[in-house]
């Protein structure tokens, strides 16, 4: 009970601090809008809130946002797959890494506008957002995964191989757990950049039925409140995608079921990765009957419980 009360108190403090920060910046916004006194240049929070409410209540807004989001996430998924494959090959071949790194570094440093214009010439406006997101996200995914693979614990990997753990079992038991922090950091950085690149590509390419087109129309009609409302929607969509993806990545850990009990010892991880680990009963393990399965606790990491 004390731990629960302490945890709730900390959460309330965090919520209060976030509310205080939000209230401060809203006050700054109101003050600046009052000093400018030109709604066409900088509308107040009330006007933007009304415009946002009007967009939220319109079913067409959600269809446009879903269409743009599908294209952006499609390009991001393609970049993740290609970046993972390229990083895996680069971790095994230095020649391939030296060949690929300059091209991806060049793409990483290229401005989004230049990439979008070239893609418009080559692909047209219908597919420009997917290609732009793919090119902008690929370098970030690749370099993050290469760095993560280079930091993998080699002695522990050799110990896995000596016990006959290879292939997919080795990836789940060792490689993914070592690379996961780099993947999480990459996800937090790449998702926001992908939404920026995708919306910018739609805006420059004037793709019909997209968020970029709506922003361009708001700019032509000088509807600054609608422009800021669309900005809020894009930021909220980007933040939601980031939170969901980070949660999925954390939940995809090979030993996610034991994380609430603590981190497992390396020896325990090796044992659980063995092909015959379910039939093993180690001298330091205590088996206790559960509801339908056996619960095993290891004395070397007593807080790490795992379903056997």
Protein backbone atom coordinates (compact mmCIF):
# COMPACT_ATOMS: atom_id res chain seq x y z
CA UNK A 1 0.00 0.00 0.00
CA UNK A 2 2.80 2.41 0.82
CA UNK A 3 4.49 1.74 -2.52
CA UNK A 4 1.18 2.25 -4.33
CA UNK A 5 0.52 5.50 -2.49
CA UNK A 6 4.04 6.70 -3.22
CA UNK A 7 3.61 5.85 -6.91
CA UNK A 8 0.27 7.69 -7.11
CA UNK A 9 1.81 10.72 -5.39
CA UNK A 10 4.64 10.81 -7.91
CA UNK A 11 2.18 10.55 -10.80
CA UNK A 12 0.07 13.38 -9.38
CA UNK A 13 3.18 15.53 -9.07
CA UNK A 14 4.13 14.78 -12.68
CA UNK A 15 0.62 15.64 -13.90
CA UNK A 16 0.61 18.86 -11.87
CA UNK A 17 4.00 19.87 -13.27
CA UNK A 18 2.84 19.18 -16.83
CA UNK A 19 -0.32 21.21 -16.24
CA UNK A 20 1.69 24.11 -14.86
CA UNK A 21 3.99 24.11 -17.90
CA UNK A 22 0.99 24.00 -20.27
CA UNK A 23 -0.72 26.83 -18.40
CA UNK A 24 2.45 28.95 -18.60
CA UNK A 25 2.78 28.59 -22.38
CA UNK A 26 -0.95 29.20 -22.90
CA UNK A 27 -0.59 32.41 -20.91
CA UNK A 28 2.37 33.41 -23.10
CA UNK A 29 0.31 32.66 -26.22
CA UNK A 30 -2.61 34.76 -24.97
CA UNK A 31 -0.29 37.65 -24.09
CA UNK A 32 1.49 37.63 -27.47
CA UNK A 33 -1.81 37.37 -29.36
CA UNK A 34 -3.16 40.33 -27.39
CA UNK A 35 -0.03 42.37 -28.18
CA UNK A 36 -0.20 41.54 -31.90
CA UNK A 37 -3.97 42.16 -32.01
CA UNK A 38 -4.20 40.70 -35.53
CA UNK A 39 -6.11 37.37 -35.70
CA UNK A 40 -4.93 36.84 -39.28
CA UNK A 41 -1.32 36.88 -38.08
CA UNK A 42 -1.63 35.14 -34.71
CA UNK A 43 -5.07 33.99 -33.50
CA UNK A 44 -5.63 33.34 -29.82
CA UNK A 45 -6.07 29.92 -28.21
CA UNK A 46 -9.85 30.30 -28.27
CA UNK A 47 -10.04 30.75 -32.04
CA UNK A 48 -7.68 27.83 -32.62
CA UNK A 49 -9.68 25.66 -30.22
CA UNK A 50 -12.90 26.45 -32.12
CA UNK A 51 -11.24 25.65 -35.45
CA UNK A 52 -9.85 22.41 -34.00
CA UNK A 53 -13.28 21.44 -32.67
CA UNK A 54 -14.81 22.11 -36.07
CA UNK A 55 -12.21 19.89 -37.75
CA UNK A 56 -12.65 17.11 -35.20
CA UNK A 57 -16.41 17.07 -35.69
CA UNK A 58 -16.00 16.74 -39.47
CA UNK A 59 -15.77 13.13 -40.67
CA UNK A 60 -13.77 14.22 -43.72
CA UNK A 61 -10.95 15.38 -41.46
CA UNK A 62 -10.44 11.90 -40.07
CA UNK A 63 -10.48 10.37 -43.54
CA UNK A 64 -7.83 12.83 -44.72
CA UNK A 65 -5.71 12.29 -41.62
CA UNK A 66 -6.01 8.51 -41.92
CA UNK A 67 -5.02 8.58 -45.60
CA UNK A 68 -1.97 10.73 -44.97
CA UNK A 69 -1.05 8.67 -41.91
CA UNK A 70 -1.28 5.41 -43.88
CA UNK A 71 1.09 6.72 -46.55
CA UNK A 72 3.53 8.10 -43.97
CA UNK A 73 3.53 4.94 -41.87
CA UNK A 74 3.86 2.85 -45.03
CA UNK A 75 7.00 4.72 -46.00
CA UNK A 76 8.29 4.41 -42.44
CA UNK A 77 7.67 0.65 -42.37
CA UNK A 78 9.45 0.25 -45.69
CA UNK A 79 12.40 2.25 -44.34
CA UNK A 80 12.49 0.10 -41.19
CA UNK A 81 12.59 -3.13 -43.19
CA UNK A 82 15.22 -1.92 -45.66
CA UNK A 83 17.27 -0.27 -42.93
CA UNK A 84 17.23 -3.45 -40.86
CA UNK A 85 18.34 -5.58 -43.81
CA UNK A 86 21.11 -3.16 -44.77
CA UNK A 87 22.29 -2.85 -41.16
CA UNK A 88 22.37 -6.63 -40.77
CA UNK A 89 24.49 -7.00 -43.91
CA UNK A 90 26.75 -4.11 -42.89
CA UNK A 91 27.39 -5.67 -39.48
CA UNK A 92 28.79 -8.75 -41.24
CA UNK A 93 30.59 -7.08 -44.15
CA UNK A 94 32.84 -4.04 -43.76
CA UNK A 95 33.10 -3.62 -47.52
CA UNK A 96 29.33 -3.35 -47.83
CA UNK A 97 29.19 -0.87 -44.93
CA UNK A 98 31.81 1.33 -46.58
CA UNK A 99 29.90 1.17 -49.85
CA UNK A 100 26.49 2.08 -48.41
CA UNK A 101 27.43 4.66 -45.74
CA UNK A 102 28.35 7.56 -48.10
CA UNK A 103 25.10 7.29 -50.06
CA UNK A 104 22.95 7.24 -46.92
CA UNK A 105 24.95 10.10 -45.40
CA UNK A 106 24.30 12.13 -48.56
CA UNK A 107 20.56 11.38 -48.37
CA UNK A 108 20.56 12.29 -44.68
CA UNK A 109 22.08 15.72 -45.38
CA UNK A 110 19.87 16.51 -48.40
CA UNK A 111 17.10 19.07 -47.71
CA UNK A 112 13.55 17.70 -47.75
CA UNK A 113 12.43 20.25 -50.37
CA UNK A 114 15.09 19.11 -52.86
CA UNK A 115 14.15 15.47 -52.35
CA UNK A 116 10.44 16.20 -52.79
CA UNK A 117 10.98 18.16 -56.01
CA UNK A 118 13.04 15.34 -57.50
CA UNK A 119 10.47 12.77 -56.45
CA UNK A 120 7.69 14.84 -58.01
CA UNK A 121 9.53 14.73 -61.32
CA UNK A 122 10.17 10.99 -61.07
CA UNK A 123 7.03 9.62 -59.37
CA UNK A 124 4.30 12.27 -59.44
CA UNK A 125 2.29 13.68 -56.56
CA UNK A 126 0.36 10.50 -55.70
CA UNK A 127 3.36 8.56 -54.38
CA UNK A 128 5.65 11.39 -53.35
CA UNK A 129 4.89 11.26 -49.62
CA UNK A 130 5.70 7.55 -49.30
CA UNK A 131 9.00 7.94 -51.16
CA UNK A 132 9.95 11.09 -49.23
CA UNK A 133 9.30 9.46 -45.86
CA UNK A 134 11.25 6.38 -46.95
CA UNK A 135 14.31 8.40 -47.98
CA UNK A 136 14.22 10.62 -44.90
CA UNK A 137 13.76 7.76 -42.40
CA UNK A 138 16.12 5.21 -43.98
CA UNK A 139 19.43 6.85 -42.87
CA UNK A 140 18.25 7.26 -39.28
CA UNK A 141 17.10 3.64 -39.06
CA UNK A 142 20.25 2.32 -40.71
CA UNK A 143 22.81 4.21 -38.62
CA UNK A 144 20.97 3.51 -35.35
CA UNK A 145 20.80 -0.22 -36.05
CA UNK A 146 24.43 -0.35 -37.17
CA UNK A 147 25.48 1.34 -33.93
CA UNK A 148 23.31 -1.02 -31.90
CA UNK A 149 24.66 -4.13 -33.64
CA UNK A 150 28.21 -2.93 -33.08
CA UNK A 151 27.54 -2.71 -29.32
CA UNK A 152 26.26 -6.29 -29.00
CA UNK A 153 28.03 -8.29 -26.29
CA UNK A 154 30.22 -10.66 -28.32
CA UNK A 155 31.35 -12.94 -25.43
CA UNK A 156 27.75 -13.54 -24.43
CA UNK A 157 26.86 -14.28 -28.05
CA UNK A 158 29.69 -16.83 -28.20
CA UNK A 159 28.36 -18.43 -25.03
CA UNK A 160 24.95 -18.75 -26.66
CA UNK A 161 26.51 -20.38 -29.72
CA UNK A 162 28.50 -22.81 -27.58
CA UNK A 163 25.20 -23.96 -26.05
CA UNK A 164 23.76 -24.54 -29.51
CA UNK A 165 21.56 -21.42 -29.59
CA UNK A 166 21.50 -20.07 -33.14
CA UNK A 167 19.32 -18.38 -35.69
CA UNK A 168 16.01 -16.91 -34.61
CA UNK A 169 16.38 -18.20 -31.05
CA UNK A 170 19.70 -16.37 -30.71
CA UNK A 171 18.17 -13.19 -32.13
CA UNK A 172 15.29 -13.24 -29.64
CA UNK A 173 17.39 -14.20 -26.64
CA UNK A 174 20.37 -11.93 -27.18
CA UNK A 175 20.56 -9.67 -30.24
CA UNK A 176 17.14 -8.04 -29.97
CA UNK A 177 17.57 -7.31 -26.27
CA UNK A 178 20.92 -5.63 -26.92
CA UNK A 179 19.67 -3.58 -29.89
CA UNK A 180 16.31 -2.59 -28.39
CA UNK A 181 17.53 0.64 -26.65
CA UNK A 182 18.91 1.89 -29.96
CA UNK A 183 15.67 0.96 -31.73
CA UNK A 184 13.62 2.88 -29.15
CA UNK A 185 15.82 5.97 -29.51
CA UNK A 186 15.57 5.72 -33.29
CA UNK A 187 11.78 5.39 -33.15
CA UNK A 188 11.40 8.53 -31.05
CA UNK A 189 13.50 10.53 -33.51
CA UNK A 190 12.36 9.07 -36.83
CA UNK A 191 8.58 9.12 -36.37
CA UNK A 192 8.35 12.88 -35.90
CA UNK A 193 10.73 13.45 -38.79
CA UNK A 194 8.64 11.13 -40.97
CA UNK A 195 5.45 13.09 -40.32
CA UNK A 196 7.27 16.34 -41.10
CA UNK A 197 8.66 14.97 -44.36
CA UNK A 198 5.35 13.41 -45.38
CA UNK A 199 3.25 16.52 -44.79
CA UNK A 200 5.90 18.71 -46.49
CA UNK A 201 5.87 16.39 -49.51
CA UNK A 202 2.07 16.57 -49.71
CA UNK A 203 2.20 20.35 -49.38
CA UNK A 204 4.80 20.83 -52.11
CA UNK A 205 3.27 18.20 -54.40
CA UNK A 206 -0.32 19.38 -53.84
CA UNK A 207 -1.57 15.82 -53.47
CA UNK A 208 -5.37 15.75 -53.52
CA UNK A 209 -7.17 14.71 -50.35
CA UNK A 210 -4.18 15.02 -48.02
CA UNK A 211 -3.21 17.03 -44.97
CA UNK A 212 -0.72 18.98 -47.08
CA UNK A 213 -3.47 20.14 -49.42
CA UNK A 214 -5.63 21.29 -46.49
CA UNK A 215 -2.71 23.25 -45.06
CA UNK A 216 -2.07 24.83 -48.46
CA UNK A 217 -5.75 25.82 -48.78
CA UNK A 218 -5.68 27.37 -45.30
CA UNK A 219 -2.60 29.34 -46.34
CA UNK A 220 -4.25 30.60 -49.55
CA UNK A 221 -7.39 31.71 -47.71
CA UNK A 222 -5.32 33.18 -44.84
CA UNK A 223 -7.17 31.03 -42.31
CA UNK A 224 -4.46 31.03 -39.69
CA UNK A 225 -6.66 29.40 -37.06
CA UNK A 226 -7.33 26.43 -39.36
CA UNK A 227 -3.63 26.25 -40.19
CA UNK A 228 -2.73 26.01 -36.50
CA UNK A 229 -5.56 23.52 -35.92
CA UNK A 230 -4.18 21.23 -38.62
CA UNK A 231 -0.76 21.63 -37.06
CA UNK A 232 -2.14 20.49 -33.71
CA UNK A 233 -3.75 17.46 -35.36
CA UNK A 234 -0.51 16.47 -37.10
CA UNK A 235 1.49 16.86 -33.89
CA UNK A 236 -1.08 14.79 -31.98
CA UNK A 237 -1.02 12.07 -34.65
CA UNK A 238 2.78 11.99 -34.62
CA UNK A 239 2.88 11.81 -30.81
CA UNK A 240 0.28 9.01 -30.78
CA UNK A 241 2.18 6.97 -33.36
CA UNK A 242 5.39 7.41 -31.39
CA UNK A 243 3.81 6.31 -28.11
CA UNK A 244 2.10 3.29 -29.68
CA UNK A 245 5.23 2.17 -31.51
CA UNK A 246 7.44 2.57 -28.44
CA UNK A 247 4.94 0.57 -26.39
CA UNK A 248 4.85 -2.19 -29.01
CA UNK A 249 8.64 -2.33 -29.19
CA UNK A 250 8.94 -2.59 -25.42
CA UNK A 251 6.23 -5.23 -25.32
CA UNK A 252 7.99 -7.23 -28.04
CA UNK A 253 10.99 -7.99 -25.84
CA UNK A 254 11.71 -11.73 -25.73
CA UNK A 255 11.46 -11.85 -21.93
CA UNK A 256 8.71 -9.23 -21.52
CA UNK A 257 6.74 -11.57 -19.30
CA UNK A 258 9.46 -11.51 -16.62
CA UNK A 259 10.32 -7.82 -16.65
CA UNK A 260 7.91 -6.95 -13.87
CA UNK A 261 9.85 -9.29 -11.59
CA UNK A 262 13.25 -7.90 -12.43
CA UNK A 263 16.01 -8.42 -14.97
CA UNK A 264 17.17 -11.98 -15.53
CA UNK A 265 20.74 -13.05 -15.02
CA UNK A 266 22.78 -13.82 -18.15
CA UNK A 267 23.07 -17.48 -17.19
CA UNK A 268 19.29 -17.75 -16.79
CA UNK A 269 18.80 -16.15 -20.20
CA UNK A 270 21.12 -18.69 -21.81
CA UNK A 271 19.31 -21.56 -20.13
CA UNK A 272 15.88 -20.32 -21.26
CA UNK A 273 17.18 -20.00 -24.82
CA UNK A 274 18.31 -23.62 -24.99
CA UNK A 275 16.23 -25.87 -27.26
CA UNK A 276 15.60 -28.25 -24.34
CA UNK A 277 15.17 -25.69 -21.58
CA UNK A 278 11.60 -26.74 -20.83
CA UNK A 279 12.80 -30.21 -19.79
CA UNK A 280 15.63 -28.88 -17.61
CA UNK A 281 15.46 -28.63 -13.85
CA UNK A 282 18.61 -26.88 -12.70
CA UNK A 283 20.05 -27.43 -9.20
CA UNK A 284 19.57 -23.77 -8.32
CA UNK A 285 16.01 -23.58 -9.66
CA UNK A 286 12.95 -24.10 -7.47
CA UNK A 287 9.83 -25.33 -9.25
CA UNK A 288 6.47 -24.42 -7.80
CA UNK A 289 3.09 -25.54 -9.17
CA UNK A 290 1.04 -22.75 -10.72
CA UNK A 291 -2.48 -22.73 -12.13
CA UNK A 292 -1.71 -24.47 -15.39
CA UNK A 293 2.05 -24.23 -15.74
CA UNK A 294 5.12 -24.36 -13.54
CA UNK A 295 6.63 -21.23 -12.13
CA UNK A 296 10.42 -21.28 -11.86
CA UNK A 297 12.49 -18.95 -9.70
CA UNK A 298 16.25 -18.86 -9.96
CA UNK A 299 18.24 -18.27 -6.79
CA UNK A 300 20.84 -16.22 -8.68
CA UNK A 301 18.15 -13.64 -9.62
CA UNK A 302 15.34 -14.37 -7.13
CA UNK A 303 13.08 -11.58 -8.39
CA UNK A 304 13.11 -12.85 -11.97
CA UNK A 305 10.14 -15.17 -12.22
CA UNK A 306 9.38 -16.86 -15.51
CA UNK A 307 6.73 -19.21 -16.80
CA UNK A 308 8.25 -22.59 -17.59
